[in-house]
Protein backbone atom coordinates (compact mmCIF):
# COMPACT_ATOMS: atom_id res chain seq x y z
CA MET A 1 -89.85 -2.10 139.44
CA THR A 2 -91.51 -4.48 141.90
CA ILE A 3 -95.22 -5.30 141.65
CA CYS A 4 -97.23 -6.75 144.51
CA PRO A 5 -99.15 -9.85 143.29
CA CYS A 6 -101.95 -9.20 145.78
CA CYS A 7 -102.90 -5.55 145.31
CA GLY A 8 -100.84 -4.63 142.25
CA PHE A 9 -98.88 -1.91 144.04
CA LYS A 10 -95.88 -0.83 141.99
CA SER A 11 -92.66 0.43 143.47
CA ALA A 12 -89.52 1.51 141.68
CA ASN A 13 -87.53 1.06 144.89
CA PRO A 14 -87.57 -2.56 146.04
CA GLU A 15 -86.64 -1.62 149.60
CA SER A 16 -89.65 0.67 150.07
CA GLY A 17 -92.07 -1.47 148.06
CA VAL A 18 -92.50 -5.23 148.19
CA SER A 19 -89.74 -6.72 150.33
CA GLY A 20 -89.27 -9.36 152.92
CA ALA A 21 -91.08 -7.20 155.45
CA GLY A 22 -94.17 -7.12 153.24
CA CYS A 23 -95.92 -4.79 150.83
CA THR A 24 -96.15 -1.22 152.07
CA SER A 25 -99.65 -0.95 150.54
CA CYS A 26 -101.46 -4.12 151.68
CA GLY A 27 -98.88 -5.79 153.95
CA ALA A 28 -98.55 -8.98 151.87
CA ARG A 29 -95.26 -10.83 152.32
CA SER A 30 -93.21 -12.82 149.89
CA VAL A 31 -93.35 -16.59 150.43
CA GLY A 32 -90.70 -17.61 147.89
CA GLU A 33 -88.83 -16.79 144.75
CA PRO A 34 -90.84 -15.79 141.66
CA LEU A 35 -91.66 -18.56 139.22
CA PRO A 36 -89.43 -18.80 136.16
CA ARG A 37 -90.80 -18.03 132.72
CA PRO A 38 -92.05 -21.08 130.81
CA GLU A 39 -89.64 -22.65 128.39
CA HIS A 40 -92.18 -22.65 125.53
CA GLU A 41 -94.80 -19.90 125.08
CA LEU A 42 -97.54 -20.07 122.47
CA PRO A 43 -97.61 -17.02 120.19
CA SER A 44 -100.70 -14.82 120.16
CA TYR A 45 -102.93 -14.53 117.09
CA ALA A 46 -105.23 -11.77 118.42
CA ARG A 47 -103.57 -8.89 116.55
CA SER A 48 -103.37 -10.78 113.28
CA LEU A 49 -107.02 -11.77 113.64
CA ALA A 50 -108.04 -8.16 114.27
CA LEU A 51 -106.28 -6.97 111.10
CA THR A 52 -107.74 -9.82 109.04
CA VAL A 53 -111.29 -9.17 110.24
CA ALA A 54 -110.97 -5.40 109.64
CA GLY A 55 -109.72 -5.83 106.07
CA SER A 56 -112.29 -8.50 105.21
CA LEU A 57 -115.12 -6.43 106.65
CA LEU A 58 -114.17 -3.36 104.58
CA VAL A 59 -113.98 -5.40 101.39
CA LEU A 60 -117.34 -7.01 102.15
CA VAL A 61 -119.02 -3.64 102.81
CA PHE A 62 -117.71 -2.12 99.59
CA LEU A 63 -118.65 -5.18 97.52
CA THR A 64 -122.16 -5.25 99.03
CA GLN A 65 -122.74 -1.58 98.24
CA THR A 66 -121.51 -2.13 94.69
CA ILE A 67 -123.94 -5.00 94.13
CA ILE A 68 -126.80 -2.97 95.62
CA ALA A 69 -126.02 -0.06 93.30
CA LEU A 70 -125.85 -2.41 90.31
CA VAL A 71 -129.24 -3.92 91.13
CA GLN A 72 -130.80 -0.49 91.68
CA ARG A 73 -129.57 0.73 88.30
CA SER A 74 -131.14 -2.31 86.63
CA ALA A 75 -134.38 -2.09 88.66
CA LYS A 76 -135.26 1.26 87.11
CA ALA A 77 -135.91 -0.38 83.74
CA ALA A 78 -137.29 -3.71 85.00
CA THR A 79 -141.01 -4.36 85.23
CA SER A 80 -140.95 -7.64 87.17
CA PRO A 81 -138.53 -9.64 89.38
CA LEU A 82 -137.93 -12.12 86.56
CA ALA A 83 -137.11 -9.31 84.17
CA LEU A 84 -134.79 -7.79 86.79
CA ALA A 85 -132.81 -11.02 87.07
CA SER A 86 -132.30 -11.10 83.31
CA MET A 87 -131.47 -7.39 82.99
CA ILE A 88 -128.64 -7.20 85.56
CA PRO A 89 -125.53 -6.36 83.49
CA PHE A 90 -122.21 -8.04 84.14
CA ASP A 91 -119.94 -6.04 81.86
CA PHE A 92 -116.94 -4.11 83.12
CA TRP A 93 -118.31 -0.57 82.72
CA SER A 94 -121.54 -1.40 84.51
CA TRP A 95 -119.53 -2.62 87.50
CA MET A 96 -117.38 0.48 87.32
CA ALA A 97 -120.43 2.74 87.39
CA ALA A 98 -121.86 0.79 90.33
CA ALA A 99 -118.52 1.02 92.15
CA GLU A 100 -118.51 4.80 91.66
CA THR A 101 -122.00 5.02 93.15
CA ALA A 102 -120.94 2.85 96.10
CA ALA A 103 -117.87 5.03 96.66
CA TRP A 104 -120.00 8.16 96.95
CA ARG A 105 -122.33 6.42 99.39
CA LEU A 106 -119.43 5.30 101.60
CA LYS A 107 -117.48 8.55 101.51
CA TRP A 108 -118.42 9.64 105.04
CA LEU A 109 -117.78 6.16 106.45
CA MET A 110 -114.30 5.97 104.94
CA ILE A 111 -113.01 9.11 106.67
CA PRO A 112 -112.93 7.62 110.22
CA VAL A 113 -112.00 4.20 108.80
CA SER A 114 -109.01 5.67 106.99
CA LEU A 115 -107.79 7.40 110.14
CA LEU A 116 -108.23 4.20 112.15
CA VAL A 117 -106.35 2.13 109.58
CA LEU A 118 -103.51 4.61 109.22
CA PHE A 119 -102.82 4.81 112.94
CA GLY A 120 -104.24 1.74 114.68
CA GLY A 121 -103.81 -0.83 111.91
CA ARG A 122 -100.31 0.28 111.08
CA LYS A 123 -99.27 0.05 114.72
CA LEU A 124 -100.70 -3.46 115.07
CA TYR A 125 -99.05 -4.67 111.90
CA ARG A 126 -95.66 -3.28 112.92
CA SER A 127 -95.91 -4.99 116.30
CA VAL A 128 -96.69 -8.32 114.62
CA GLN A 129 -93.88 -7.82 112.14
CA ALA A 130 -91.36 -6.85 114.83
CA ASN A 131 -92.12 -9.80 117.15
CA PRO A 132 -92.82 -12.91 115.06
CA GLU A 133 -92.04 -15.17 118.03
CA ARG A 134 -94.81 -13.57 120.11
CA PHE A 135 -97.47 -13.04 117.39
CA CYS A 136 -98.38 -15.60 114.76
CA GLY A 137 -100.30 -15.15 111.49
CA GLN A 138 -98.03 -12.52 110.04
CA ARG A 139 -99.09 -13.37 106.48
CA TYR A 140 -102.79 -12.98 107.29
CA ALA A 141 -102.09 -9.78 109.18
CA ARG A 142 -100.31 -8.38 106.14
CA ARG A 143 -103.19 -9.29 103.81
CA GLY A 144 -105.77 -7.81 106.16
CA TYR A 145 -103.78 -4.62 106.55
CA TYR A 146 -103.33 -4.23 102.78
CA ALA A 147 -107.05 -4.82 102.23
CA ALA A 148 -107.93 -2.24 104.90
CA VAL A 149 -105.68 0.28 103.15
CA ALA A 150 -106.82 -0.60 99.60
CA VAL A 151 -110.55 -0.05 100.17
CA PRO A 152 -110.32 3.61 101.32
CA LEU A 153 -107.79 4.24 98.54
CA LEU A 154 -110.17 2.70 95.99
CA VAL A 155 -113.04 4.83 97.27
CA LEU A 156 -110.87 7.93 96.96
CA ILE A 157 -109.92 7.04 93.36
CA MET A 158 -113.53 6.37 92.37
CA ILE A 159 -114.66 9.68 93.81
CA GLY A 160 -111.82 11.55 92.14
CA VAL A 161 -112.63 10.05 88.74
CA THR A 162 -116.27 11.15 88.91
CA VAL A 163 -115.70 14.65 90.30
CA PRO A 164 -115.29 16.38 86.86
CA GLU A 165 -118.41 14.69 85.50
CA ARG A 166 -120.43 15.54 88.60
CA LEU A 167 -119.28 19.17 88.41
CA ARG A 168 -120.34 19.28 84.76
CA ARG A 169 -123.74 17.82 85.60
CA ARG A 170 -124.14 20.30 88.43
CA GLN A 171 -123.38 23.14 86.04
CA ASP A 172 -125.85 21.69 83.55
CA GLY A 173 -128.47 21.59 86.28
CA ILE A 174 -127.85 25.23 87.16
CA GLN A 175 -128.05 26.18 83.49
CA ALA A 176 -131.23 24.13 83.03
CA ALA A 177 -132.81 25.96 85.96
CA ALA A 178 -131.90 29.25 84.28
CA ASN A 179 -133.32 28.03 80.97
CA VAL A 180 -136.69 27.40 82.60
CA GLN A 181 -137.35 31.13 82.76
CA GLY A 182 -136.70 31.52 79.04
CA LEU A 183 -138.95 28.57 78.20
CA VAL A 184 -141.74 29.96 80.37
CA PHE A 185 -141.60 33.32 78.61
CA SER A 186 -141.47 31.61 75.22
CA ARG A 187 -144.58 29.57 75.99
CA ALA A 188 -146.43 32.52 77.51
CA ILE A 189 -145.71 34.81 74.54
CA PHE A 190 -146.79 32.06 72.15
CA GLU A 191 -150.10 31.63 74.02
CA TYR A 192 -150.56 35.41 74.01
CA SER A 193 -149.92 35.62 70.26
CA VAL A 194 -152.41 32.80 69.60
CA LYS A 195 -155.06 34.53 71.68
CA TYR A 196 -154.55 38.13 70.54
CA GLN A 197 -152.89 37.57 67.12
CA ARG A 198 -149.88 39.65 68.14
CA VAL A 199 -147.07 39.59 70.64
CA PRO A 200 -147.44 41.68 73.79
CA ASN A 201 -146.20 45.25 73.82
CA ASP A 202 -144.82 44.72 77.30
CA LEU A 203 -144.06 41.67 79.43
CA ASN A 204 -146.62 42.77 81.98
CA ASP A 205 -149.32 42.09 79.37
CA LEU A 206 -148.66 38.39 80.00
CA ARG A 207 -150.52 38.72 83.29
CA GLN A 208 -153.75 38.70 81.24
CA LEU A 209 -153.18 35.02 80.45
CA PRO A 210 -154.53 32.27 82.71
CA ASP A 211 -151.76 31.09 85.00
CA ALA A 212 -152.93 27.97 86.82
CA ASP A 213 -149.50 26.83 88.02
CA GLY A 214 -148.17 30.33 88.72
CA SER A 215 -145.16 29.88 86.42
CA ILE A 216 -145.77 33.12 84.51
CA ALA A 217 -146.11 35.18 87.70
CA ALA A 218 -142.94 33.57 89.10
CA ALA A 219 -140.99 34.31 85.91
CA LEU A 220 -142.14 37.93 85.91
CA SER A 221 -141.26 38.35 89.59
CA ASN A 222 -137.78 36.87 89.04
CA LEU A 223 -137.12 39.24 86.17
CA ASP A 224 -135.20 42.34 87.24
CA THR A 225 -137.51 45.33 86.92
CA ALA A 226 -134.58 47.64 86.15
CA THR A 227 -133.60 45.67 83.06
CA SER A 228 -137.01 44.34 82.01
CA VAL A 229 -137.68 47.45 79.91
CA ASN A 230 -134.62 46.89 77.73
CA ALA A 231 -134.76 43.10 77.92
CA TYR A 232 -137.95 42.71 75.89
CA ARG A 233 -138.05 44.32 72.43
CA PRO A 234 -141.08 43.68 70.23
CA TYR A 235 -141.02 44.71 66.57
CA ALA A 236 -142.99 44.29 63.37
CA GLU A 237 -141.63 43.34 59.97
CA VAL A 238 -143.50 45.29 57.29
CA ALA A 239 -142.74 44.34 53.71
CA ALA A 240 -142.14 47.28 51.41
CA LYS A 241 -144.77 47.29 48.67
CA GLU A 242 -144.36 48.91 45.27
CA LYS A 243 -146.62 51.93 44.81
CA PRO A 244 -149.21 51.20 42.09
CA ARG A 245 -149.08 53.39 38.96
CA THR A 246 -151.93 55.86 38.52
CA LEU A 247 -153.55 56.06 35.10
CA ARG A 248 -153.98 59.40 33.41
CA GLY A 249 -157.29 61.05 34.18
CA ALA A 250 -157.90 58.91 37.23
CA VAL A 251 -157.06 61.77 39.53
CA ILE A 252 -159.58 64.05 37.75
CA ARG A 253 -162.30 61.37 37.88
CA ASN A 254 -161.70 60.68 41.54
CA ALA A 255 -161.72 64.35 42.31
CA SER A 256 -165.01 64.79 40.49
CA ILE A 257 -166.63 61.83 42.21
CA ASN A 258 -165.34 62.53 45.70
CA SER A 259 -165.53 66.23 46.15
CA VAL A 260 -164.72 65.88 49.83
CA PRO A 261 -161.22 64.48 50.41
CA ASP A 262 -161.03 61.31 52.45
CA GLU A 263 -159.71 61.55 55.97
CA PRO A 264 -156.35 59.94 56.51
CA VAL A 265 -156.67 56.48 57.96
CA THR A 266 -154.13 55.69 60.61
CA GLU A 267 -153.74 52.04 61.39
CA GLY A 268 -151.30 50.88 64.03
CA ILE A 269 -148.94 48.04 63.24
CA SER A 270 -149.25 45.08 65.58
CA PHE A 271 -146.01 43.61 66.82
CA THR A 272 -145.46 40.13 65.40
CA ASN A 273 -141.85 39.41 66.42
CA TYR A 274 -139.81 39.90 69.56
CA ASP A 275 -136.40 39.54 71.16
CA LEU A 276 -136.02 38.79 74.87
CA HIS A 277 -132.63 39.05 76.59
CA LEU A 278 -132.40 37.26 79.96
CA PRO A 279 -129.44 36.71 82.33
CA GLY A 280 -128.03 33.19 82.46
CA ALA A 281 -127.00 31.00 85.37
CA ASP A 282 -124.66 33.67 86.77
CA LYS A 283 -127.56 36.17 87.07
CA ILE A 284 -125.41 38.82 85.37
CA ASN A 285 -126.39 40.56 82.15
CA GLY A 286 -123.93 40.90 79.32
CA THR A 287 -122.15 37.54 79.68
CA GLU A 288 -121.87 34.67 77.23
CA ASP A 289 -124.34 32.47 79.09
CA ASP A 290 -127.18 34.99 78.73
CA LEU A 291 -130.36 33.62 77.19
CA ILE A 292 -131.77 35.03 73.97
CA VAL A 293 -135.42 34.21 73.26
CA SER A 294 -136.15 35.23 69.69
CA ASP A 295 -139.58 34.37 68.25
CA GLY A 296 -139.92 31.33 70.49
CA VAL A 297 -136.39 30.00 69.97
CA VAL A 298 -134.27 29.86 73.15
CA GLY A 299 -130.51 30.13 72.71
CA PHE A 300 -127.37 31.56 74.25
CA ALA A 301 -125.88 34.97 73.63
CA SER A 302 -122.59 33.35 72.56
CA GLU A 303 -124.41 31.39 69.86
CA ALA A 304 -126.62 34.22 68.59
CA PRO A 305 -125.46 36.10 65.46
CA ARG A 306 -124.36 39.69 65.90
CA ARG A 307 -127.12 41.97 64.67
CA GLY A 308 -128.46 45.38 65.35
CA SER A 309 -131.11 46.11 67.91
CA ALA A 310 -134.69 45.75 66.80
CA PRO A 311 -136.67 49.00 66.60
CA THR A 312 -139.66 49.04 68.90
CA SER A 313 -141.59 52.05 67.65
CA VAL A 314 -144.73 51.52 65.59
CA GLY A 315 -144.44 52.08 61.86
CA LYS A 316 -140.72 51.37 61.55
CA ASN A 317 -139.48 48.43 59.58
CA ARG A 318 -136.99 45.97 61.00
CA GLN A 319 -133.71 46.15 59.17
CA PRO A 320 -132.32 42.78 58.10
């Protein structure tokens, strides 16, 4: 291929391109033979410098984010700048925790960086390795390339190590949000029992309580109306008393004194205990993560002892 030095016209056929008659594109003519290549050529360091700068920059970014995370973790418990300087930990596990935090912060940055390193950096390093006479600084290029590969790999390892713990914490957060409903009902029923000296006959009776923050109304609205009837079961524990013995002649004396028999006195039994069955984090009834609120104690259905259902009719005793 012949290239015109004036206009840059390229021609694969020397006869139709740049020849003695001149360039077919601009008309320039050759004035002599081309200059020979120089005997000694200095090798280029541009590619090695690019790899070195890329690797050093990635290491610097990751180290900076790790130090920032370490300082932020210590700043939560510090009350002054002097106390912060003395409270910064330098043990291994503190640095590991800070590195995990930095890895999660850099996760979106490392995706394009990893692709760039895998394709662009690898191509540059191979070109430097294949032509040592044209490109100098092969050792620095290798170190920069390894550093550029190590940082995304380290970020990936740090994220992978913390994934199980973060999933567990996420599940704990979901379960804690589900537990809030049980705690709200437990507090509301306790306030109702303090005010009326009995537990409510129905959960809708809790609307009589003052609800400044709206938590009781929100808990009642979140409760499924189809299952709320069977979810709440109040009951009363009545101790069986021994019938007193009647002395002889007492019946005759009472009959003579009270000629008119007394009217039967019917007194309703106020509910003093309750069981409340709520769905857990999965919002499905009948699973092991269901919440059981029994007399103010919030627990799980898997932890509750197996016992019979509490009778809800007035006048019946709860069976142990």
